[in-house]
Amino acid sequence: MTDIEMVVAYIRPDTLGAVKQAVAEAGAPSVTVSNVSGRGSQSAKTGQWRGEEYTVDLHQKTKVECVVADVDGHDVAEAIREAAHTGDPGDGKIFILPVDDAVQVRTGKTGPEAV
């Protein structure tokens, strides 16, 4: 395990509230959230609009990023997994990445102190 890890999760948008709470309870209160579109194991959906058929194969997801230094990234990932789990295809994916270094812009601190 490196000193600094980044946990990146792609989840269903409706589970964001539970995931934010779970991440805070795991000891990692700082998160960055983005709305993204993607395709995975969730099947494409076909619909009809104004008489024309269309296919939606990119589904709306929420990307949650969390960088931790004094908390194990695997603990944060498990907290996210438990909060985001519905049991249906499209629940999402979680990645744990090592971070070489970090720099805090305001203070100039580096390494785990910057996180």
PDB file of N, CA and C in Angstrom:
ATOM      1  N   MET A   1       0.842  -1.192   0.000  1.00  0.00           N
ATOM      2  CA  MET A   1       0.000   0.000   0.000  1.00  0.00           C
ATOM      3  C   MET A   1       0.883   1.249   0.000  1.00  0.00           C
ATOM      4  N   THR A   2       0.576   2.220  -0.872  1.00  0.00           N
ATOM      5  CA  THR A   2       1.291   3.489  -0.867  1.00  0.00           C
ATOM      6  C   THR A   2       0.696   4.382   0.215  1.00  0.00           C
ATOM      7  N   ASP A   3       1.360   5.488   0.478  1.00  0.00           N
ATOM      8  CA  ASP A   3       0.873   6.410   1.504  1.00  0.00           C
ATOM      9  C   ASP A   3      -0.408   7.128   1.077  1.00  0.00           C
ATOM     10  N   ILE A   4      -0.530   7.377  -0.225  1.00  0.00           N
ATOM     11  CA  ILE A   4      -1.693   8.103  -0.740  1.00  0.00           C
ATOM     12  C   ILE A   4      -2.373   7.237  -1.787  1.00  0.00           C
ATOM     13  N   GLU A   5      -3.707   7.136  -1.697  1.00  0.00           N
ATOM     14  CA  GLU A   5      -4.485   6.367  -2.677  1.00  0.00           C
ATOM     15  C   GLU A   5      -5.673   7.196  -3.153  1.00  0.00           C
ATOM     16  N   MET A   6      -6.067   6.948  -4.390  1.00  0.00           N
ATOM     17  CA  MET A   6      -7.274   7.567  -4.927  1.00  0.00           C
ATOM     18  C   MET A   6      -8.294   6.471  -5.183  1.00  0.00           C
ATOM     19  N   VAL A   7      -9.479   6.663  -4.660  1.00  0.00           N
ATOM     20  CA  VAL A   7     -10.586   5.745  -4.891  1.00  0.00           C
ATOM     21  C   VAL A   7     -11.523   6.434  -5.871  1.00  0.00           C
ATOM     22  N   VAL A   8     -11.765   5.793  -7.010  1.00  0.00           N
ATOM     23  CA  VAL A   8     -12.653   6.333  -8.042  1.00  0.00           C
ATOM     24  C   VAL A   8     -13.807   5.352  -8.204  1.00  0.00           C
ATOM     25  N   ALA A   9     -15.025   5.848  -8.048  1.00  0.00           N
ATOM     26  CA  ALA A   9     -16.207   4.991  -8.154  1.00  0.00           C
ATOM     27  C   ALA A   9     -17.177   5.569  -9.171  1.00  0.00           C
ATOM     28  N   TYR A  10     -17.724   4.694  -9.998  1.00  0.00           N
ATOM     29  CA  TYR A  10     -18.796   5.052 -10.930  1.00  0.00           C
ATOM     30  C   TYR A  10     -20.042   4.371 -10.413  1.00  0.00           C
ATOM     31  N   ILE A  11     -21.033   5.162  -9.990  1.00  0.00           N
ATOM     32  CA  ILE A  11     -22.212   4.623  -9.316  1.00  0.00           C
ATOM     33  C   ILE A  11     -23.488   5.151  -9.951  1.00  0.00           C
ATOM     34  N   ARG A  12     -24.610   4.573  -9.558  1.00  0.00           N
ATOM     35  CA  ARG A  12     -25.912   5.094  -9.975  1.00  0.00           C
ATOM     36  C   ARG A  12     -26.146   6.448  -9.288  1.00  0.00           C
ATOM     37  N   PRO A  13     -26.682   7.424 -10.003  1.00  0.00           N
ATOM     38  CA  PRO A  13     -26.894   8.740  -9.391  1.00  0.00           C
ATOM     39  C   PRO A  13     -27.777   8.713  -8.147  1.00  0.00           C
ATOM     40  N   ASP A  14     -28.745   7.810  -8.109  1.00  0.00           N
ATOM     41  CA  ASP A  14     -29.669   7.781  -6.971  1.00  0.00           C
ATOM     42  C   ASP A  14     -29.036   7.229  -5.689  1.00  0.00           C
ATOM     43  N   THR A  15     -27.826   6.676  -5.765  1.00  0.00           N
ATOM     44  CA  THR A  15     -27.163   6.171  -4.558  1.00  0.00           C
ATOM     45  C   THR A  15     -26.145   7.164  -3.999  1.00  0.00           C
ATOM     46  N   LEU A  16     -26.030   8.337  -4.598  1.00  0.00           N
ATOM     47  CA  LEU A  16     -25.010   9.299  -4.194  1.00  0.00           C
ATOM     48  C   LEU A  16     -25.127   9.710  -2.729  1.00  0.00           C
ATOM     49  N   GLY A  17     -26.309   9.981  -2.255  1.00  0.00           N
ATOM     50  CA  GLY A  17     -26.487  10.404  -0.858  1.00  0.00           C
ATOM     51  C   GLY A  17     -25.954   9.366   0.118  1.00  0.00           C
ATOM     52  N   ALA A  18     -26.302   8.115  -0.099  1.00  0.00           N
ATOM     53  CA  ALA A  18     -25.830   7.038   0.774  1.00  0.00           C
ATOM     54  C   ALA A  18     -24.323   6.861   0.665  1.00  0.00           C
ATOM     55  N   VAL A  19     -23.774   7.021  -0.541  1.00  0.00           N
ATOM     56  CA  VAL A  19     -22.326   6.869  -0.738  1.00  0.00           C
ATOM     57  C   VAL A  19     -21.571   7.992  -0.034  1.00  0.00           C
ATOM     58  N   LYS A  20     -22.042   9.233  -0.143  1.00  0.00           N
ATOM     59  CA  LYS A  20     -21.381  10.350   0.538  1.00  0.00           C
ATOM     60  C   LYS A  20     -21.337  10.115   2.048  1.00  0.00           C
ATOM     61  N   GLN A  21     -22.444   9.652   2.601  1.00  0.00           N
ATOM     62  CA  GLN A  21     -22.503   9.383   4.033  1.00  0.00           C
ATOM     63  C   GLN A  21     -21.557   8.245   4.418  1.00  0.00           C
ATOM     64  N   ALA A  22     -21.521   7.192   3.608  1.00  0.00           N
ATOM     65  CA  ALA A  22     -20.656   6.044   3.900  1.00  0.00           C
ATOM     66  C   ALA A  22     -19.181   6.425   3.831  1.00  0.00           C
ATOM     67  N   VAL A  23     -18.813   7.261   2.856  1.00  0.00           N
ATOM     68  CA  VAL A  23     -17.419   7.697   2.725  1.00  0.00           C
ATOM     69  C   VAL A  23     -17.022   8.542   3.936  1.00  0.00           C
ATOM     70  N   ALA A  24     -17.901   9.419   4.385  1.00  0.00           N
ATOM     71  CA  ALA A  24     -17.616  10.244   5.558  1.00  0.00           C
ATOM     72  C   ALA A  24     -17.460   9.369   6.802  1.00  0.00           C
ATOM     73  N   GLU A  25     -18.310   8.364   6.939  1.00  0.00           N
ATOM     74  CA  GLU A  25     -18.222   7.463   8.086  1.00  0.00           C
ATOM     75  C   GLU A  25     -16.969   6.602   8.039  1.00  0.00           C
ATOM     76  N   ALA A  26     -16.436   6.362   6.851  1.00  0.00           N
ATOM     77  CA  ALA A  26     -15.194   5.595   6.706  1.00  0.00           C
ATOM     78  C   ALA A  26     -13.971   6.444   7.045  1.00  0.00           C
ATOM     79  N   GLY A  27     -14.171   7.734   7.304  1.00  0.00           N
ATOM     80  CA  GLY A  27     -13.066   8.595   7.698  1.00  0.00           C
ATOM     81  C   GLY A  27     -12.451   9.394   6.572  1.00  0.00           C
ATOM     82  N   ALA A  28     -13.133   9.471   5.439  1.00  0.00           N
ATOM     83  CA  ALA A  28     -12.621  10.220   4.287  1.00  0.00           C
ATOM     84  C   ALA A  28     -13.688  11.227   3.842  1.00  0.00           C
ATOM     85  N   PRO A  29     -13.762  12.378   4.499  1.00  0.00           N
ATOM     86  CA  PRO A  29     -14.854  13.310   4.227  1.00  0.00           C
ATOM     87  C   PRO A  29     -14.743  14.094   2.924  1.00  0.00           C
ATOM     88  N   SER A  30     -13.563  14.132   2.292  1.00  0.00           N
ATOM     89  CA  SER A  30     -13.383  14.917   1.070  1.00  0.00           C
ATOM     90  C   SER A  30     -13.676  14.078  -0.159  1.00  0.00           C
ATOM     91  N   VAL A  31     -14.621  14.532  -0.972  1.00  0.00           N
ATOM     92  CA  VAL A  31     -14.959  13.834  -2.215  1.00  0.00           C
ATOM     93  C   VAL A  31     -15.147  14.849  -3.333  1.00  0.00           C
ATOM     94  N   THR A  32     -14.934  14.393  -4.558  1.00  0.00           N
ATOM     95  CA  THR A  32     -15.232  15.173  -5.749  1.00  0.00           C
ATOM     96  C   THR A  32     -16.260  14.364  -6.535  1.00  0.00           C
ATOM     97  N   VAL A  33     -17.318  15.016  -6.987  1.00  0.00           N
ATOM     98  CA  VAL A  33     -18.416  14.335  -7.661  1.00  0.00           C
ATOM     99  C   VAL A  33     -18.629  14.947  -9.039  1.00  0.00           C
ATOM    100  N   SER A  34     -18.772  14.084 -10.056  1.00  0.00           N
ATOM    101  CA  SER A  34     -19.035  14.530 -11.431  1.00  0.00           C
ATOM    102  C   SER A  34     -20.155  13.688 -12.022  1.00  0.00           C
ATOM    103  N   ASN A  35     -20.921  14.279 -12.916  1.00  0.00           N
ATOM    104  CA  ASN A  35     -21.918  13.521 -13.670  1.00  0.00           C
ATOM    105  C   ASN A  35     -21.271  13.078 -14.976  1.00  0.00           C
ATOM    106  N   VAL A  36     -21.341  11.772 -15.262  1.00  0.00           N
ATOM    107  CA  VAL A  36     -20.707  11.208 -16.442  1.00  0.00           C
ATOM    108  C   VAL A  36     -21.667  10.251 -17.134  1.00  0.00           C
ATOM    109  N   SER A  37     -21.336   9.853 -18.355  1.00  0.00           N
ATOM    110  CA  SER A  37     -22.088   8.840 -19.098  1.00  0.00           C
ATOM    111  C   SER A  37     -21.138   7.718 -19.443  1.00  0.00           C
ATOM    112  N   GLY A  38     -21.658   6.495 -19.455  1.00  0.00           N
ATOM    113  CA  GLY A  38     -20.789   5.380 -19.785  1.00  0.00           C
ATOM    114  C   GLY A  38     -21.567   4.131 -20.125  1.00  0.00           C
ATOM    115  N   ARG A  39     -20.818   3.116 -20.540  1.00  0.00           N
ATOM    116  CA  ARG A  39     -21.420   1.848 -20.927  1.00  0.00           C
ATOM    117  C   ARG A  39     -20.612   0.733 -20.285  1.00  0.00           C
ATOM    118  N   GLY A  40     -21.307  -0.228 -19.710  1.00  0.00           N
ATOM    119  CA  GLY A  40     -20.655  -1.377 -19.089  1.00  0.00           C
ATOM    120  C   GLY A  40     -21.523  -2.602 -19.306  1.00  0.00           C
ATOM    121  N   SER A  41     -21.771  -3.345 -18.251  1.00  0.00           N
ATOM    122  CA  SER A  41     -22.564  -4.567 -18.369  1.00  0.00           C
ATOM    123  C   SER A  41     -24.058  -4.290 -18.472  1.00  0.00           C
ATOM    124  N   GLN A  42     -24.467  -3.068 -18.178  1.00  0.00           N
ATOM    125  CA  GLN A  42     -25.878  -2.696 -18.264  1.00  0.00           C
ATOM    126  C   GLN A  42     -26.287  -2.642 -19.729  1.00  0.00           C
ATOM    127  N   SER A  43     -27.386  -3.307 -20.061  1.00  0.00           N
ATOM    128  CA  SER A  43     -27.794  -3.403 -21.466  1.00  0.00           C
ATOM    129  C   SER A  43     -28.344  -2.082 -21.991  1.00  0.00           C
ATOM    130  N   ALA A  44     -28.315  -1.954 -23.315  1.00  0.00           N
ATOM    131  CA  ALA A  44     -28.851  -0.763 -23.979  1.00  0.00           C
ATOM    132  C   ALA A  44     -30.376  -0.778 -23.892  1.00  0.00           C
ATOM    133  N   LYS A  45     -30.960   0.408 -23.873  1.00  0.00           N
ATOM    134  CA  LYS A  45     -32.419   0.526 -23.820  1.00  0.00           C
ATOM    135  C   LYS A  45     -32.898   1.136 -25.128  1.00  0.00           C
ATOM    136  N   THR A  46     -33.991   0.609 -25.648  1.00  0.00           N
ATOM    137  CA  THR A  46     -34.578   1.115 -26.881  1.00  0.00           C
ATOM    138  C   THR A  46     -35.859   1.851 -26.537  1.00  0.00           C
ATOM    139  N   GLY A  47     -36.049   2.988 -27.177  1.00  0.00           N
ATOM    140  CA  GLY A  47     -37.255   3.776 -26.952  1.00  0.00           C
ATOM    141  C   GLY A  47     -37.765   4.356 -28.250  1.00  0.00           C
ATOM    142  N   GLN A  48     -38.874   5.089 -28.149  1.00  0.00           N
ATOM    143  CA  GLN A  48     -39.448   5.706 -29.328  1.00  0.00           C
ATOM    144  C   GLN A  48     -39.822   7.139 -28.972  1.00  0.00           C
ATOM    145  N   TRP A  49     -39.475   8.060 -29.875  1.00  0.00           N
ATOM    146  CA  TRP A  49     -39.788   9.462 -29.684  1.00  0.00           C
ATOM    147  C   TRP A  49     -40.222  10.050 -31.011  1.00  0.00           C
ATOM    148  N   ARG A  50     -41.413  10.608 -31.038  1.00  0.00           N
ATOM    149  CA  ARG A  50     -42.003  11.180 -32.253  1.00  0.00           C
ATOM    150  C   ARG A  50     -41.963  10.197 -33.419  1.00  0.00           C
ATOM    151  N   GLY A  51     -42.271   8.962 -33.138  1.00  0.00           N
ATOM    152  CA  GLY A  51     -42.349   7.949 -34.180  1.00  0.00           C
ATOM    153  C   GLY A  51     -41.018   7.359 -34.589  1.00  0.00           C
ATOM    154  N   GLU A  52     -39.929   7.879 -34.069  1.00  0.00           N
ATOM    155  CA  GLU A  52     -38.601   7.365 -34.412  1.00  0.00           C
ATOM    156  C   GLU A  52     -38.069   6.523 -33.258  1.00  0.00           C
ATOM    157  N   GLU A  53     -37.493   5.383 -33.615  1.00  0.00           N
ATOM    158  CA  GLU A  53     -36.893   4.524 -32.599  1.00  0.00           C
ATOM    159  C   GLU A  53     -35.459   4.969 -32.339  1.00  0.00           C
ATOM    160  N   TYR A  54     -35.051   4.942 -31.070  1.00  0.00           N
ATOM    161  CA  TYR A  54     -33.687   5.306 -30.716  1.00  0.00           C
ATOM    162  C   TYR A  54     -33.166   4.331 -29.660  1.00  0.00           C
ATOM    163  N   THR A  55     -31.851   4.257 -29.564  1.00  0.00           N
ATOM    164  CA  THR A  55     -31.207   3.372 -28.601  1.00  0.00           C
ATOM    165  C   THR A  55     -30.314   4.187 -27.682  1.00  0.00           C
ATOM    166  N   VAL A  56     -30.440   3.949 -26.390  1.00  0.00           N
ATOM    167  CA  VAL A  56     -29.594   4.596 -25.396  1.00  0.00           C
ATOM    168  C   VAL A  56     -28.629   3.538 -24.882  1.00  0.00           C
ATOM    169  N   ASP A  57     -27.349   3.676 -25.246  1.00  0.00           N
ATOM    170  CA  ASP A  57     -26.370   2.711 -24.756  1.00  0.00           C
ATOM    171  C   ASP A  57     -25.344   3.347 -23.827  1.00  0.00           C
ATOM    172  N   LEU A  58     -25.423   4.659 -23.638  1.00  0.00           N
ATOM    173  CA  LEU A  58     -24.605   5.343 -22.647  1.00  0.00           C
ATOM    174  C   LEU A  58     -25.526   5.759 -21.506  1.00  0.00           C
ATOM    175  N   HIS A  59     -25.280   5.233 -20.320  1.00  0.00           N
ATOM    176  CA  HIS A  59     -26.148   5.474 -19.174  1.00  0.00           C
ATOM    177  C   HIS A  59     -25.549   6.546 -18.270  1.00  0.00           C
ATOM    178  N   GLN A  60     -26.426   7.327 -17.645  1.00  0.00           N
ATOM    179  CA  GLN A  60     -25.979   8.366 -16.726  1.00  0.00           C
ATOM    180  C   GLN A  60     -25.424   7.723 -15.466  1.00  0.00           C
ATOM    181  N   LYS A  61     -24.238   8.135 -15.081  1.00  0.00           N
ATOM    182  CA  LYS A  61     -23.587   7.647 -13.863  1.00  0.00           C
ATOM    183  C   LYS A  61     -23.042   8.843 -13.097  1.00  0.00           C
ATOM    184  N   THR A  62     -22.684   8.607 -11.849  1.00  0.00           N
ATOM    185  CA  THR A  62     -22.039   9.611 -11.028  1.00  0.00           C
ATOM    186  C   THR A  62     -20.644   9.110 -10.692  1.00  0.00           C
ATOM    187  N   LYS A  63     -19.651   9.950 -10.937  1.00  0.00           N
ATOM    188  CA  LYS A  63     -18.261   9.602 -10.638  1.00  0.00           C
ATOM    189  C   LYS A  63     -17.889  10.240  -9.304  1.00  0.00           C
ATOM    190  N   VAL A  64     -17.437   9.422  -8.377  1.00  0.00           N
ATOM    191  CA  VAL A  64     -17.028   9.890  -7.051  1.00  0.00           C
ATOM    192  C   VAL A  64     -15.535   9.616  -6.911  1.00  0.00           C
ATOM    193  N   GLU A  65     -14.761  10.664  -6.620  1.00  0.00           N
ATOM    194  CA  GLU A  65     -13.323  10.532  -6.419  1.00  0.00           C
ATOM    195  C   GLU A  65     -12.988  10.932  -4.992  1.00  0.00           C
ATOM    196  N   CYS A  66     -12.124  10.146  -4.387  1.00  0.00           N
ATOM    197  CA  CYS A  66     -11.732  10.403  -3.009  1.00  0.00           C
ATOM    198  C   CYS A  66     -10.257  10.059  -2.865  1.00  0.00           C
ATOM    199  N   VAL A  67      -9.447  11.018  -2.428  1.00  0.00           N
ATOM    200  CA  VAL A  67      -8.026  10.778  -2.198  1.00  0.00           C
ATOM    201  C   VAL A  67      -7.809  10.680  -0.695  1.00  0.00           C
ATOM    202  N   VAL A  68      -7.171   9.578  -0.272  1.00  0.00           N
ATOM    203  CA  VAL A  68      -6.967   9.342   1.161  1.00  0.00           C
ATOM    204  C   VAL A  68      -5.493   9.083   1.445  1.00  0.00           C
ATOM    205  N   ALA A  69      -5.071   9.494   2.640  1.00  0.00           N
ATOM    206  CA  ALA A  69      -3.696   9.255   3.061  1.00  0.00           C
ATOM    207  C   ALA A  69      -3.647   8.492   4.382  1.00  0.00           C
ATOM    208  N   ASP A  70      -4.543   8.816   5.309  1.00  0.00           N
ATOM    209  CA  ASP A  70      -4.505   8.170   6.615  1.00  0.00           C
ATOM    210  C   ASP A  70      -5.629   7.145   6.799  1.00  0.00           C
ATOM    211  N   VAL A  71      -6.343   6.851   5.726  1.00  0.00           N
ATOM    212  CA  VAL A  71      -7.385   5.831   5.720  1.00  0.00           C
ATOM    213  C   VAL A  71      -7.066   4.863   4.593  1.00  0.00           C
ATOM    214  N   ASP A  72      -7.282   3.581   4.804  1.00  0.00           N
ATOM    215  CA  ASP A  72      -7.018   2.592   3.761  1.00  0.00           C
ATOM    216  C   ASP A  72      -8.033   2.744   2.628  1.00  0.00           C
ATOM    217  N   GLY A  73      -7.544   2.838   1.408  1.00  0.00           N
ATOM    218  CA  GLY A  73      -8.422   2.974   0.246  1.00  0.00           C
ATOM    219  C   GLY A  73      -9.376   1.807   0.101  1.00  0.00           C
ATOM    220  N   HIS A  74      -8.964   0.615   0.504  1.00  0.00           N
ATOM    221  CA  HIS A  74      -9.846  -0.553   0.412  1.00  0.00           C
ATOM    222  C   HIS A  74     -11.027  -0.438   1.372  1.00  0.00           C
ATOM    223  N   ASP A  75     -10.822   0.202   2.528  1.00  0.00           N
ATOM    224  CA  ASP A  75     -11.925   0.429   3.464  1.00  0.00           C
ATOM    225  C   ASP A  75     -12.940   1.408   2.873  1.00  0.00           C
ATOM    226  N   VAL A  76     -12.437   2.449   2.219  1.00  0.00           N
ATOM    227  CA  VAL A  76     -13.318   3.427   1.573  1.00  0.00           C
ATOM    228  C   VAL A  76     -14.076   2.753   0.429  1.00  0.00           C
ATOM    229  N   ALA A  77     -13.386   1.933  -0.363  1.00  0.00           N
ATOM    230  CA  ALA A  77     -14.025   1.234  -1.477  1.00  0.00           C
ATOM    231  C   ALA A  77     -15.119   0.293  -0.975  1.00  0.00           C
ATOM    232  N   GLU A  78     -14.876  -0.391   0.124  1.00  0.00           N
ATOM    233  CA  GLU A  78     -15.887  -1.295   0.679  1.00  0.00           C
ATOM    234  C   GLU A  78     -17.102  -0.517   1.185  1.00  0.00           C
ATOM    235  N   ALA A  79     -16.865   0.644   1.789  1.00  0.00           N
ATOM    236  CA  ALA A  79     -17.972   1.485   2.243  1.00  0.00           C
ATOM    237  C   ALA A  79     -18.814   1.948   1.056  1.00  0.00           C
ATOM    238  N   ILE A  80     -18.155   2.327  -0.038  1.00  0.00           N
ATOM    239  CA  ILE A  80     -18.874   2.738  -1.250  1.00  0.00           C
ATOM    240  C   ILE A  80     -19.658   1.566  -1.822  1.00  0.00           C
ATOM    241  N   ARG A  81     -19.028   0.392  -1.885  1.00  0.00           N
ATOM    242  CA  ARG A  81     -19.689  -0.784  -2.442  1.00  0.00           C
ATOM    243  C   ARG A  81     -20.957  -1.131  -1.664  1.00  0.00           C
ATOM    244  N   GLU A  82     -20.884  -1.098  -0.344  1.00  0.00           N
ATOM    245  CA  GLU A  82     -22.051  -1.424   0.469  1.00  0.00           C
ATOM    246  C   GLU A  82     -23.170  -0.401   0.279  1.00  0.00           C
ATOM    247  N   ALA A  83     -22.808   0.882   0.171  1.00  0.00           N
ATOM    248  CA  ALA A  83     -23.816   1.936   0.031  1.00  0.00           C
ATOM    249  C   ALA A  83     -24.434   1.971  -1.364  1.00  0.00           C
ATOM    250  N   ALA A  84     -23.673   1.591  -2.389  1.00  0.00           N
ATOM    251  CA  ALA A  84     -24.151   1.695  -3.773  1.00  0.00           C
ATOM    252  C   ALA A  84     -24.781   0.409  -4.285  1.00  0.00           C
ATOM    253  N   HIS A  85     -24.692  -0.676  -3.537  1.00  0.00           N
ATOM    254  CA  HIS A  85     -25.155  -1.988  -4.010  1.00  0.00           C
ATOM    255  C   HIS A  85     -26.680  -2.070  -4.071  1.00  0.00           C
ATOM    256  N   THR A  86     -27.206  -2.417  -5.255  1.00  0.00           N
ATOM    257  CA  THR A  86     -28.637  -2.716  -5.409  1.00  0.00           C
ATOM    258  C   THR A  86     -28.843  -4.149  -5.864  1.00  0.00           C
ATOM    259  N   GLY A  87     -27.796  -4.754  -6.431  1.00  0.00           N
ATOM    260  CA  GLY A  87     -27.897  -6.116  -6.924  1.00  0.00           C
ATOM    261  C   GLY A  87     -28.291  -6.202  -8.388  1.00  0.00           C
ATOM    262  N   ASP A  88     -28.558  -5.069  -9.013  1.00  0.00           N
ATOM    263  CA  ASP A  88     -28.952  -5.046 -10.424  1.00  0.00           C
ATOM    264  C   ASP A  88     -27.756  -4.692 -11.298  1.00  0.00           C
ATOM    265  N   PRO A  89     -27.773  -5.104 -12.579  1.00  0.00           N
ATOM    266  CA  PRO A  89     -26.701  -4.674 -13.490  1.00  0.00           C
ATOM    267  C   PRO A  89     -26.651  -3.143 -13.545  1.00  0.00           C
ATOM    268  N   GLY A  90     -25.448  -2.607 -13.614  1.00  0.00           N
ATOM    269  CA  GLY A  90     -25.295  -1.153 -13.677  1.00  0.00           C
ATOM    270  C   GLY A  90     -25.035  -0.506 -12.337  1.00  0.00           C
ATOM    271  N   ASP A  91     -24.766  -1.304 -11.283  1.00  0.00           N
ATOM    272  CA  ASP A  91     -24.457  -0.730  -9.971  1.00  0.00           C
ATOM    273  C   ASP A  91     -23.182   0.092 -10.007  1.00  0.00           C
ATOM    274  N   GLY A  92     -22.239  -0.264 -10.873  1.00  0.00           N
ATOM    275  CA  GLY A  92     -21.040   0.545 -11.027  1.00  0.00           C
ATOM    276  C   GLY A  92     -19.762  -0.228 -10.806  1.00  0.00           C
ATOM    277  N   LYS A  93     -18.662   0.515 -10.774  1.00  0.00           N
ATOM    278  CA  LYS A  93     -17.328  -0.039 -10.577  1.00  0.00           C
ATOM    279  C   LYS A  93     -16.556   0.877  -9.634  1.00  0.00           C
ATOM    280  N   ILE A  94     -15.570   0.288  -8.938  1.00  0.00           N
ATOM    281  CA  ILE A  94     -14.712   1.048  -8.042  1.00  0.00           C
ATOM    282  C   ILE A  94     -13.263   0.702  -8.370  1.00  0.00           C
ATOM    283  N   PHE A  95     -12.422   1.719  -8.456  1.00  0.00           N
ATOM    284  CA  PHE A  95     -11.002   1.535  -8.738  1.00  0.00           C
ATOM    285  C   PHE A  95     -10.190   2.175  -7.617  1.00  0.00           C
ATOM    286  N   ILE A  96      -9.108   1.514  -7.224  1.00  0.00           N
ATOM    287  CA  ILE A  96      -8.209   2.040  -6.207  1.00  0.00           C
ATOM    288  C   ILE A  96      -6.845   2.221  -6.873  1.00  0.00           C
ATOM    289  N   LEU A  97      -6.372   3.471  -6.904  1.00  0.00           N
ATOM    290  CA  LEU A  97      -5.140   3.800  -7.615  1.00  0.00           C
ATOM    291  C   LEU A  97      -4.104   4.376  -6.660  1.00  0.00           C
ATOM    292  N   PRO A  98      -2.837   4.004  -6.820  1.00  0.00           N
ATOM    293  CA  PRO A  98      -1.800   4.650  -6.016  1.00  0.00           C
ATOM    294  C   PRO A  98      -1.549   6.071  -6.529  1.00  0.00           C
ATOM    295  N   VAL A  99      -1.263   6.982  -5.614  1.00  0.00           N
ATOM    296  CA  VAL A  99      -0.940   8.366  -5.971  1.00  0.00           C
ATOM    297  C   VAL A  99       0.511   8.606  -5.588  1.00  0.00           C
ATOM    298  N   ASP A 100       1.325   9.032  -6.551  1.00  0.00           N
ATOM    299  CA  ASP A 100       2.749   9.251  -6.298  1.00  0.00           C
ATOM    300  C   ASP A 100       3.000  10.389  -5.324  1.00  0.00           C
ATOM    301  N   ASP A 101       2.296  11.492  -5.504  1.00  0.00           N
ATOM    302  CA  ASP A 101       2.532  12.654  -4.658  1.00  0.00           C
ATOM    303  C   ASP A 101       1.324  13.570  -4.728  1.00  0.00           C
ATOM    304  N   ALA A 102       1.237  14.479  -3.788  1.00  0.00           N
ATOM    305  CA  ALA A 102       0.178  15.486  -3.770  1.00  0.00           C
ATOM    306  C   ALA A 102       0.791  16.798  -3.295  1.00  0.00           C
ATOM    307  N   VAL A 103       0.240  17.901  -3.777  1.00  0.00           N
ATOM    308  CA  VAL A 103       0.697  19.234  -3.371  1.00  0.00           C
ATOM    309  C   VAL A 103      -0.531  20.064  -3.037  1.00  0.00           C
ATOM    310  N   GLN A 104      -0.540  20.650  -1.851  1.00  0.00           N
ATOM    311  CA  GLN A 104      -1.635  21.536  -1.475  1.00  0.00           C
ATOM    312  C   GLN A 104      -1.303  22.939  -1.979  1.00  0.00           C
ATOM    313  N   VAL A 105      -2.168  23.495  -2.785  1.00  0.00           N
ATOM    314  CA  VAL A 105      -1.897  24.770  -3.434  1.00  0.00           C
ATOM    315  C   VAL A 105      -1.722  25.896  -2.417  1.00  0.00           C
ATOM    316  N   ARG A 106      -2.606  25.984  -1.441  1.00  0.00           N
ATOM    317  CA  ARG A 106      -2.584  27.089  -0.488  1.00  0.00           C
ATOM    318  C   ARG A 106      -1.329  27.122   0.365  1.00  0.00           C
ATOM    319  N   THR A 107      -0.924  25.961   0.913  1.00  0.00           N
ATOM    320  CA  THR A 107       0.182  25.930   1.863  1.00  0.00           C
ATOM    321  C   THR A 107       1.508  25.458   1.285  1.00  0.00           C
ATOM    322  N   GLY A 108       1.441  24.731   0.171  1.00  0.00           N
ATOM    323  CA  GLY A 108       2.644  24.176  -0.418  1.00  0.00           C
ATOM    324  C   GLY A 108       3.051  22.843   0.192  1.00  0.00           C
ATOM    325  N   LYS A 109       2.245  22.322   1.115  1.00  0.00           N
ATOM    326  CA  LYS A 109       2.547  21.021   1.728  1.00  0.00           C
ATOM    327  C   LYS A 109       2.522  19.945   0.648  1.00  0.00           C
ATOM    328  N   THR A 110       3.358  18.922   0.844  1.00  0.00           N
ATOM    329  CA  THR A 110       3.409  17.838  -0.128  1.00  0.00           C
ATOM    330  C   THR A 110       3.217  16.504   0.594  1.00  0.00           C
ATOM    331  N   GLY A 111       2.988  15.477  -0.217  1.00  0.00           N
ATOM    332  CA  GLY A 111       2.830  14.128   0.313  1.00  0.00           C
ATOM    333  C   GLY A 111       1.549  13.952   1.098  1.00  0.00           C
ATOM    334  N   PRO A 112       1.519  13.015   2.037  1.00  0.00           N
ATOM    335  CA  PRO A 112       0.303  12.752   2.820  1.00  0.00           C
ATOM    336  C   PRO A 112      -0.202  13.970   3.582  1.00  0.00           C
ATOM    337  N   GLU A 113       0.694  14.880   3.966  1.00  0.00           N
ATOM    338  CA  GLU A 113       0.251  16.101   4.675  1.00  0.00           C
ATOM    339  C   GLU A 113      -0.627  16.981   3.802  1.00  0.00           C
ATOM    340  N   ALA A 114      -0.475  16.900   2.500  1.00  0.00           N
ATOM    341  CA  ALA A 114      -1.260  17.730   1.579  1.00  0.00           C
ATOM    342  C   ALA A 114      -2.699  17.228   1.469  1.00  0.00           C
ATOM    343  N   VAL A 115      -2.901  15.957   1.771  1.00  0.00           N
ATOM    344  CA  VAL A 115      -4.237  15.368   1.633  1.00  0.00           C
ATOM    345  C   VAL A 115      -5.027  15.670   2.876  1.00  0.00           C
TER     346      VAL A 115
END
